[in-house]
Amino acid sequence: MENKSMNIFNSDFVLASPETATDANNAKILNVVGHEVYEKGADIVCMYKILLGSQGFRKGMDLYFQRHDGQAVTCEDIFVAMQYANESYFGIQKRVHLS
């Protein structure tokens, strides 16, 4: 388990800005926080598959790619695609993972 409190006090990461950060700084920041973002995103995708089943999940992903292929997207975009493709409204799950 990593020491999250050490991440807070590393000024290179906390104070990084696009104007002053180098490529090396950006790579270090990605190494520290990037894996957490990817893991959380994967958890959300797995949650959809569990809630909707394999066929419902596939319908949602098909609609998602049809609407957003090649675009910069948000969590809301995949959430809405899953809802519309399956005519399912998750209610509380949205508040938990998008808030």
C-alpha atoms as a PDB file:
ATOM      1  CA  MET A   1       0.000   0.000   0.000  1.00  0.00           C
ATOM      2  CA  GLU A   2       1.378   3.382  -0.894  1.00  0.00           C
ATOM      3  CA  ASN A   3       1.814   6.201   1.573  1.00  0.00           C
ATOM      4  CA  LYS A   4      -0.804   8.716   0.410  1.00  0.00           C
ATOM      5  CA  SER A   5       0.282  11.352   2.914  1.00  0.00           C
ATOM      6  CA  MET A   6       3.683  11.532   1.201  1.00  0.00           C
ATOM      7  CA  ASN A   7       1.956  12.367  -2.086  1.00  0.00           C
ATOM      8  CA  ILE A   8       0.314  15.388  -0.483  1.00  0.00           C
ATOM      9  CA  PHE A   9       3.612  16.914   0.599  1.00  0.00           C
ATOM     10  CA  ASN A  10       5.512  16.451  -2.648  1.00  0.00           C
ATOM     11  CA  SER A  11       5.588  20.016  -3.946  1.00  0.00           C
ATOM     12  CA  ASP A  12       6.542  18.946  -7.493  1.00  0.00           C
ATOM     13  CA  PHE A  13       3.181  17.239  -7.792  1.00  0.00           C
ATOM     14  CA  VAL A  14       0.978  19.574  -5.778  1.00  0.00           C
ATOM     15  CA  LEU A  15       2.266  22.789  -7.317  1.00  0.00           C
ATOM     16  CA  ALA A  16       2.612  21.566 -10.895  1.00  0.00           C
ATOM     17  CA  SER A  17       1.111  23.832 -13.514  1.00  0.00           C
ATOM     18  CA  PRO A  18       1.026  23.608 -17.307  1.00  0.00           C
ATOM     19  CA  GLU A  19       3.239  26.696 -17.550  1.00  0.00           C
ATOM     20  CA  THR A  20       6.081  25.353 -15.400  1.00  0.00           C
ATOM     21  CA  ALA A  21       5.829  21.542 -15.348  1.00  0.00           C
ATOM     22  CA  THR A  22       8.224  19.617 -17.545  1.00  0.00           C
ATOM     23  CA  ASP A  23       7.448  16.377 -19.352  1.00  0.00           C
ATOM     24  CA  ALA A  24       9.345  14.571 -16.587  1.00  0.00           C
ATOM     25  CA  ASN A  25       7.135  16.231 -13.940  1.00  0.00           C
ATOM     26  CA  ASN A  26       4.007  15.218 -15.814  1.00  0.00           C
ATOM     27  CA  ALA A  27       5.238  11.630 -16.088  1.00  0.00           C
ATOM     28  CA  LYS A  28       5.872  11.528 -12.318  1.00  0.00           C
ATOM     29  CA  ILE A  29       2.398  12.899 -11.610  1.00  0.00           C
ATOM     30  CA  LEU A  30       0.849  10.286 -13.881  1.00  0.00           C
ATOM     31  CA  ASN A  31       2.770   7.539 -12.080  1.00  0.00           C
ATOM     32  CA  VAL A  32       1.455   8.716  -8.717  1.00  0.00           C
ATOM     33  CA  VAL A  33      -2.203   9.350  -9.498  1.00  0.00           C
ATOM     34  CA  GLY A  34      -2.830   7.830 -12.910  1.00  0.00           C
ATOM     35  CA  HIS A  35      -3.138   4.229 -11.774  1.00  0.00           C
ATOM     36  CA  GLU A  36      -5.786   5.163  -9.201  1.00  0.00           C
ATOM     37  CA  VAL A  37      -7.939   6.840 -11.859  1.00  0.00           C
ATOM     38  CA  TYR A  38      -7.691   3.820 -14.186  1.00  0.00           C
ATOM     39  CA  GLU A  39      -8.537   1.387 -11.378  1.00  0.00           C
ATOM     40  CA  LYS A  40     -11.585   3.396 -10.322  1.00  0.00           C
ATOM     41  CA  GLY A  41     -12.755   3.662 -13.927  1.00  0.00           C
ATOM     42  CA  ALA A  42     -12.431  -0.094 -14.337  1.00  0.00           C
ATOM     43  CA  ASP A  43     -14.505  -0.589 -11.178  1.00  0.00           C
ATOM     44  CA  ILE A  44     -17.296   1.540 -12.645  1.00  0.00           C
ATOM     45  CA  VAL A  45     -17.271  -0.420 -15.900  1.00  0.00           C
ATOM     46  CA  CYS A  46     -17.417  -3.703 -13.959  1.00  0.00           C
ATOM     47  CA  MET A  47     -20.337  -2.351 -11.936  1.00  0.00           C
ATOM     48  CA  TYR A  48     -22.289  -1.719 -15.149  1.00  0.00           C
ATOM     49  CA  LYS A  49     -21.593  -5.225 -16.396  1.00  0.00           C
ATOM     50  CA  ILE A  50     -22.758  -6.746 -13.117  1.00  0.00           C
ATOM     51  CA  LEU A  51     -25.910  -4.616 -12.961  1.00  0.00           C
ATOM     52  CA  LEU A  52     -26.896  -5.055 -16.604  1.00  0.00           C
ATOM     53  CA  GLY A  53     -25.545  -8.513 -17.415  1.00  0.00           C
ATOM     54  CA  SER A  54     -23.360  -9.279 -20.419  1.00  0.00           C
ATOM     55  CA  GLN A  55     -25.999  -8.531 -23.054  1.00  0.00           C
ATOM     56  CA  GLY A  56     -27.159  -5.284 -21.450  1.00  0.00           C
ATOM     57  CA  PHE A  57     -23.579  -4.173 -20.965  1.00  0.00           C
ATOM     58  CA  ARG A  58     -22.825  -4.900 -24.627  1.00  0.00           C
ATOM     59  CA  LYS A  59     -25.862  -2.881 -25.750  1.00  0.00           C
ATOM     60  CA  GLY A  60     -24.702   0.030 -23.617  1.00  0.00           C
ATOM     61  CA  MET A  61     -21.141  -0.108 -24.930  1.00  0.00           C
ATOM     62  CA  ASP A  62     -22.365  -0.317 -28.527  1.00  0.00           C
ATOM     63  CA  LEU A  63     -24.474   2.814 -28.026  1.00  0.00           C
ATOM     64  CA  TYR A  64     -21.633   4.555 -26.209  1.00  0.00           C
ATOM     65  CA  PHE A  65     -19.203   3.968 -29.094  1.00  0.00           C
ATOM     66  CA  GLN A  66     -21.823   4.870 -31.682  1.00  0.00           C
ATOM     67  CA  ARG A  67     -22.382   8.230 -29.989  1.00  0.00           C
ATOM     68  CA  HIS A  68     -18.871   9.083 -28.789  1.00  0.00           C
ATOM     69  CA  ASP A  69     -16.241   7.289 -30.888  1.00  0.00           C
ATOM     70  CA  GLY A  70     -13.202   9.549 -31.236  1.00  0.00           C
ATOM     71  CA  GLN A  71     -14.482  12.169 -28.775  1.00  0.00           C
ATOM     72  CA  ALA A  72     -13.282  13.346 -25.398  1.00  0.00           C
ATOM     73  CA  VAL A  73     -15.947  12.049 -23.038  1.00  0.00           C
ATOM     74  CA  THR A  74     -17.070  12.159 -19.423  1.00  0.00           C
ATOM     75  CA  CYS A  75     -18.315   9.593 -16.916  1.00  0.00           C
ATOM     76  CA  GLU A  76     -21.777  10.981 -17.573  1.00  0.00           C
ATOM     77  CA  ASP A  77     -21.554   9.967 -21.248  1.00  0.00           C
ATOM     78  CA  ILE A  78     -21.080   6.278 -20.506  1.00  0.00           C
ATOM     79  CA  PHE A  79     -23.679   6.426 -17.744  1.00  0.00           C
ATOM     80  CA  VAL A  80     -26.290   7.891 -20.117  1.00  0.00           C
ATOM     81  CA  ALA A  81     -25.457   5.368 -22.859  1.00  0.00           C
ATOM     82  CA  MET A  82     -25.940   2.481 -20.418  1.00  0.00           C
ATOM     83  CA  GLN A  83     -29.265   3.954 -19.295  1.00  0.00           C
ATOM     84  CA  TYR A  84     -30.692   4.576 -22.754  1.00  0.00           C
ATOM     85  CA  ALA A  85     -29.541   1.287 -24.272  1.00  0.00           C
ATOM     86  CA  ASN A  86     -31.150  -0.685 -21.467  1.00  0.00           C
ATOM     87  CA  GLU A  87     -34.059   1.575 -20.505  1.00  0.00           C
ATOM     88  CA  SER A  88     -32.720   1.323 -16.975  1.00  0.00           C
ATOM     89  CA  TYR A  89     -32.283   4.134 -14.476  1.00  0.00           C
ATOM     90  CA  PHE A  90     -29.706   3.414 -11.833  1.00  0.00           C
ATOM     91  CA  GLY A  91     -30.728   6.174  -9.396  1.00  0.00           C
ATOM     92  CA  ILE A  92     -28.478   5.951  -6.377  1.00  0.00           C
ATOM     93  CA  GLN A  93     -25.532   4.412  -8.238  1.00  0.00           C
ATOM     94  CA  LYS A  94     -25.173   7.626 -10.240  1.00  0.00           C
ATOM     95  CA  ARG A  95     -24.947   9.727  -7.102  1.00  0.00           C
ATOM     96  CA  VAL A  96     -22.353   7.408  -5.615  1.00  0.00           C
ATOM     97  CA  HIS A  97     -19.911   7.245  -8.526  1.00  0.00           C
ATOM     98  CA  LEU A  98     -20.383  10.587 -10.268  1.00  0.00           C
ATOM     99  CA  SER A  99     -20.477  12.857  -7.241  1.00  0.00           C
END
